Amino acid sequence: MLEIRPNCEHCDKNLSPDDSSAMICTFECTFCYDCVSNVLQNVCPNCGGNFTKRPVRPEKLLTKYPASQKRVHRPVDVNAHLASIKNRMI
């Protein structure tokens, strides 16, 4: 079951369980749509995979299956990330 993490790892924006701008990679690294599109170029800085929209957990299920409250905030070194993307393309 997904943790449904509460924030963007890069900019620390709050992402509620029903936030349609939340994006995740295969390991559930969580970022907001703006960071994925404008900063990360749709490449996860942790695993190198791509992102997809995080599913919404309906409010009626949050009591039985609560979303995570553990915040992960690891701002990305944007220049190093973009250089690593460029190096993969060569």
N, C-alpha and C. Protein backbone atom coordinates (compact mmCIF):
# COMPACT_ATOMS: atom_id res chain seq x y z
N MET A 1 0.84 -1.17 0.00
CA MET A 1 0.00 0.00 0.00
C MET A 1 0.90 1.24 0.00
N LEU A 2 0.49 2.24 -0.76
CA LEU A 2 1.26 3.48 -0.84
C LEU A 2 1.23 4.24 0.49
N GLU A 3 2.36 4.87 0.80
CA GLU A 3 2.44 5.67 2.02
C GLU A 3 1.60 6.95 1.92
N ILE A 4 1.50 7.50 0.72
CA ILE A 4 0.87 8.81 0.49
C ILE A 4 1.61 9.86 1.33
N ARG A 5 2.83 10.14 0.94
CA ARG A 5 3.68 11.09 1.66
C ARG A 5 3.11 12.51 1.59
N PRO A 6 3.35 13.30 2.64
CA PRO A 6 2.66 14.59 2.79
C PRO A 6 3.29 15.81 2.12
N ASN A 7 4.42 15.64 1.43
CA ASN A 7 5.07 16.83 0.89
C ASN A 7 5.97 16.51 -0.29
N CYS A 8 6.33 17.56 -1.02
CA CYS A 8 7.29 17.46 -2.12
C CYS A 8 8.69 17.39 -1.52
N GLU A 9 9.46 16.40 -1.94
CA GLU A 9 10.82 16.25 -1.41
C GLU A 9 11.72 17.42 -1.77
N HIS A 10 11.45 18.09 -2.88
CA HIS A 10 12.33 19.20 -3.30
C HIS A 10 11.91 20.53 -2.68
N CYS A 11 10.71 20.98 -2.92
CA CYS A 11 10.30 22.33 -2.47
C CYS A 11 9.55 22.32 -1.14
N ASP A 12 9.22 21.15 -0.62
CA ASP A 12 8.52 20.97 0.65
C ASP A 12 7.06 21.44 0.63
N LYS A 13 6.49 21.59 -0.55
CA LYS A 13 5.08 21.95 -0.67
C LYS A 13 4.23 20.85 -0.03
N ASN A 14 3.20 21.24 0.70
CA ASN A 14 2.27 20.27 1.27
C ASN A 14 1.48 19.59 0.15
N LEU A 15 1.34 18.27 0.26
CA LEU A 15 0.58 17.48 -0.72
C LEU A 15 -0.41 16.62 0.06
N SER A 16 -1.64 17.04 0.09
CA SER A 16 -2.67 16.31 0.81
C SER A 16 -2.96 14.98 0.11
N PRO A 17 -3.60 14.03 0.79
CA PRO A 17 -3.88 12.74 0.18
C PRO A 17 -4.71 12.82 -1.10
N ASP A 18 -5.46 13.91 -1.27
CA ASP A 18 -6.27 14.06 -2.48
C ASP A 18 -5.71 15.08 -3.46
N ASP A 19 -4.44 15.45 -3.29
CA ASP A 19 -3.81 16.46 -4.15
C ASP A 19 -3.48 15.86 -5.51
N SER A 20 -4.08 16.38 -6.53
CA SER A 20 -3.88 15.83 -7.88
C SER A 20 -2.55 16.26 -8.50
N SER A 21 -1.80 17.14 -7.82
CA SER A 21 -0.50 17.55 -8.37
C SER A 21 0.65 16.70 -7.82
N ALA A 22 0.36 15.72 -6.97
CA ALA A 22 1.41 14.85 -6.41
C ALA A 22 1.86 13.84 -7.46
N MET A 23 3.16 13.67 -7.58
CA MET A 23 3.77 12.74 -8.53
C MET A 23 4.68 11.79 -7.75
N ILE A 24 4.74 10.52 -8.20
CA ILE A 24 5.61 9.55 -7.56
C ILE A 24 6.39 8.75 -8.60
N CYS A 25 7.53 8.22 -8.17
CA CYS A 25 8.30 7.29 -9.01
C CYS A 25 8.01 5.88 -8.53
N THR A 26 8.68 4.91 -9.06
CA THR A 26 8.45 3.52 -8.72
C THR A 26 8.76 3.20 -7.26
N PHE A 27 9.61 4.01 -6.61
CA PHE A 27 9.94 3.81 -5.20
C PHE A 27 9.15 4.75 -4.29
N GLU A 28 8.18 5.43 -4.86
CA GLU A 28 7.30 6.37 -4.16
C GLU A 28 8.02 7.63 -3.68
N CYS A 29 9.13 7.98 -4.32
CA CYS A 29 9.69 9.30 -4.09
C CYS A 29 8.59 10.26 -4.52
N THR A 30 8.34 11.29 -3.74
CA THR A 30 7.17 12.14 -3.96
C THR A 30 7.58 13.58 -4.22
N PHE A 31 7.07 14.12 -5.32
CA PHE A 31 7.35 15.50 -5.70
C PHE A 31 6.07 16.13 -6.24
N CYS A 32 6.00 17.45 -6.23
CA CYS A 32 4.85 18.13 -6.82
C CYS A 32 5.03 18.21 -8.34
N TYR A 33 3.94 18.40 -9.04
CA TYR A 33 3.96 18.46 -10.50
C TYR A 33 4.92 19.55 -10.99
N ASP A 34 4.92 20.72 -10.34
CA ASP A 34 5.78 21.82 -10.78
C ASP A 34 7.26 21.43 -10.73
N CYS A 35 7.68 20.79 -9.65
CA CYS A 35 9.08 20.38 -9.54
C CYS A 35 9.43 19.30 -10.56
N VAL A 36 8.53 18.32 -10.73
CA VAL A 36 8.77 17.25 -11.71
C VAL A 36 8.92 17.82 -13.11
N SER A 37 8.04 18.74 -13.47
CA SER A 37 8.04 19.29 -14.83
C SER A 37 9.13 20.33 -15.07
N ASN A 38 9.28 21.25 -14.13
CA ASN A 38 10.14 22.41 -14.36
C ASN A 38 11.55 22.28 -13.82
N VAL A 39 11.76 21.39 -12.86
CA VAL A 39 13.09 21.26 -12.25
C VAL A 39 13.72 19.92 -12.59
N LEU A 40 12.97 18.84 -12.40
CA LEU A 40 13.53 17.49 -12.51
C LEU A 40 13.46 16.89 -13.90
N GLN A 41 12.75 17.54 -14.81
CA GLN A 41 12.63 17.07 -16.19
C GLN A 41 12.09 15.64 -16.25
N ASN A 42 11.16 15.31 -15.34
CA ASN A 42 10.50 14.00 -15.27
C ASN A 42 11.47 12.84 -15.01
N VAL A 43 12.60 13.13 -14.35
CA VAL A 43 13.56 12.09 -13.98
C VAL A 43 13.77 12.17 -12.47
N CYS A 44 13.51 11.07 -11.78
CA CYS A 44 13.68 11.05 -10.33
C CYS A 44 15.15 11.20 -9.97
N PRO A 45 15.48 12.16 -9.09
CA PRO A 45 16.88 12.35 -8.72
C PRO A 45 17.42 11.25 -7.81
N ASN A 46 16.52 10.44 -7.26
CA ASN A 46 16.95 9.37 -6.35
C ASN A 46 17.19 8.05 -7.07
N CYS A 47 16.33 7.70 -8.02
CA CYS A 47 16.46 6.39 -8.67
C CYS A 47 16.66 6.47 -10.19
N GLY A 48 16.43 7.64 -10.78
CA GLY A 48 16.61 7.80 -12.22
C GLY A 48 15.39 7.40 -13.04
N GLY A 49 14.33 6.97 -12.37
CA GLY A 49 13.11 6.59 -13.07
C GLY A 49 12.24 7.79 -13.42
N ASN A 50 11.12 7.50 -14.04
CA ASN A 50 10.20 8.58 -14.39
C ASN A 50 9.12 8.70 -13.32
N PHE A 51 8.19 9.62 -13.52
CA PHE A 51 7.12 9.87 -12.56
C PHE A 51 5.76 9.61 -13.18
N THR A 52 4.81 9.37 -12.30
CA THR A 52 3.42 9.24 -12.69
C THR A 52 2.59 9.93 -11.61
N LYS A 53 1.34 10.26 -11.94
CA LYS A 53 0.48 10.89 -10.95
C LYS A 53 0.24 9.92 -9.80
N ARG A 54 0.31 10.44 -8.59
CA ARG A 54 0.03 9.61 -7.42
C ARG A 54 -1.47 9.41 -7.31
N PRO A 55 -1.91 8.18 -7.06
CA PRO A 55 -3.35 7.97 -6.89
C PRO A 55 -3.88 8.73 -5.68
N VAL A 56 -5.14 9.06 -5.73
CA VAL A 56 -5.80 9.75 -4.62
C VAL A 56 -6.35 8.70 -3.67
N ARG A 57 -6.13 8.89 -2.37
CA ARG A 57 -6.75 8.00 -1.39
C ARG A 57 -8.04 8.67 -0.93
N PRO A 58 -9.19 8.06 -1.20
CA PRO A 58 -10.46 8.68 -0.82
C PRO A 58 -10.54 8.93 0.69
N GLU A 59 -11.16 10.04 1.03
CA GLU A 59 -11.25 10.45 2.43
C GLU A 59 -11.86 9.37 3.32
N LYS A 60 -12.83 8.63 2.80
CA LYS A 60 -13.48 7.60 3.61
C LYS A 60 -12.53 6.46 4.00
N LEU A 61 -11.40 6.33 3.29
CA LEU A 61 -10.43 5.28 3.61
C LEU A 61 -9.28 5.76 4.50
N LEU A 62 -9.18 7.07 4.71
CA LEU A 62 -8.05 7.61 5.47
C LEU A 62 -8.06 7.21 6.94
N THR A 63 -9.22 6.94 7.51
CA THR A 63 -9.28 6.51 8.91
C THR A 63 -8.66 5.12 9.05
N LYS A 64 -9.06 4.22 8.18
CA LYS A 64 -8.54 2.85 8.24
C LYS A 64 -7.12 2.76 7.69
N TYR A 65 -6.82 3.53 6.65
CA TYR A 65 -5.51 3.51 5.99
C TYR A 65 -4.96 4.93 5.92
N PRO A 66 -4.46 5.45 7.04
CA PRO A 66 -4.01 6.85 7.06
C PRO A 66 -2.80 7.11 6.17
N ALA A 67 -2.75 8.32 5.66
CA ALA A 67 -1.58 8.75 4.89
C ALA A 67 -0.41 8.97 5.84
N SER A 68 0.79 8.84 5.31
CA SER A 68 1.99 9.06 6.11
C SER A 68 2.06 10.51 6.59
N GLN A 69 2.63 10.70 7.75
CA GLN A 69 2.88 12.04 8.27
C GLN A 69 4.37 12.36 8.27
N LYS A 70 5.18 11.40 7.84
CA LYS A 70 6.63 11.59 7.82
C LYS A 70 7.02 12.42 6.60
N ARG A 71 7.59 13.58 6.87
CA ARG A 71 8.01 14.47 5.80
C ARG A 71 9.44 14.11 5.36
N VAL A 72 9.65 14.08 4.05
CA VAL A 72 10.98 13.87 3.48
C VAL A 72 11.30 15.14 2.70
N HIS A 73 12.33 15.86 3.13
CA HIS A 73 12.71 17.11 2.45
C HIS A 73 14.20 17.04 2.14
N ARG A 74 14.50 16.72 0.88
CA ARG A 74 15.87 16.63 0.39
C ARG A 74 15.96 17.46 -0.88
N PRO A 75 16.14 18.78 -0.76
CA PRO A 75 16.22 19.60 -1.97
C PRO A 75 17.28 19.07 -2.92
N VAL A 76 16.95 19.06 -4.18
CA VAL A 76 17.81 18.51 -5.22
C VAL A 76 18.85 19.54 -5.64
N ASP A 77 20.09 19.10 -5.83
CA ASP A 77 21.12 19.94 -6.45
C ASP A 77 20.78 19.95 -7.94
N VAL A 78 20.10 20.99 -8.37
CA VAL A 78 19.53 21.03 -9.71
C VAL A 78 20.61 20.92 -10.78
N ASN A 79 21.72 21.63 -10.63
CA ASN A 79 22.78 21.57 -11.65
C ASN A 79 23.35 20.16 -11.77
N ALA A 80 23.60 19.50 -10.66
CA ALA A 80 24.12 18.13 -10.70
C ALA A 80 23.09 17.19 -11.31
N HIS A 81 21.82 17.38 -10.97
CA HIS A 81 20.76 16.53 -11.52
C HIS A 81 20.67 16.69 -13.03
N LEU A 82 20.65 17.91 -13.51
CA LEU A 82 20.56 18.14 -14.96
C LEU A 82 21.79 17.60 -15.69
N ALA A 83 22.97 17.72 -15.06
CA ALA A 83 24.19 17.17 -15.68
C ALA A 83 24.11 15.65 -15.75
N SER A 84 23.54 15.02 -14.72
CA SER A 84 23.44 13.56 -14.76
C SER A 84 22.46 13.10 -15.84
N ILE A 85 21.40 13.87 -16.06
CA ILE A 85 20.46 13.55 -17.13
C ILE A 85 21.16 13.67 -18.49
N LYS A 86 21.90 14.75 -18.65
CA LYS A 86 22.62 14.98 -19.91
C LYS A 86 23.64 13.87 -20.17
N ASN A 87 24.34 13.43 -19.13
CA ASN A 87 25.34 12.37 -19.29
C ASN A 87 24.70 11.04 -19.68
N ARG A 88 23.48 10.78 -19.25
CA ARG A 88 22.80 9.54 -19.62
C ARG A 88 22.43 9.51 -21.09
N MET A 89 22.25 10.70 -21.67
CA MET A 89 21.85 10.80 -23.07
C MET A 89 23.02 10.63 -24.02
N ILE A 90 24.22 10.77 -23.51
CA ILE A 90 25.42 10.69 -24.37
C ILE A 90 25.80 9.26 -24.62
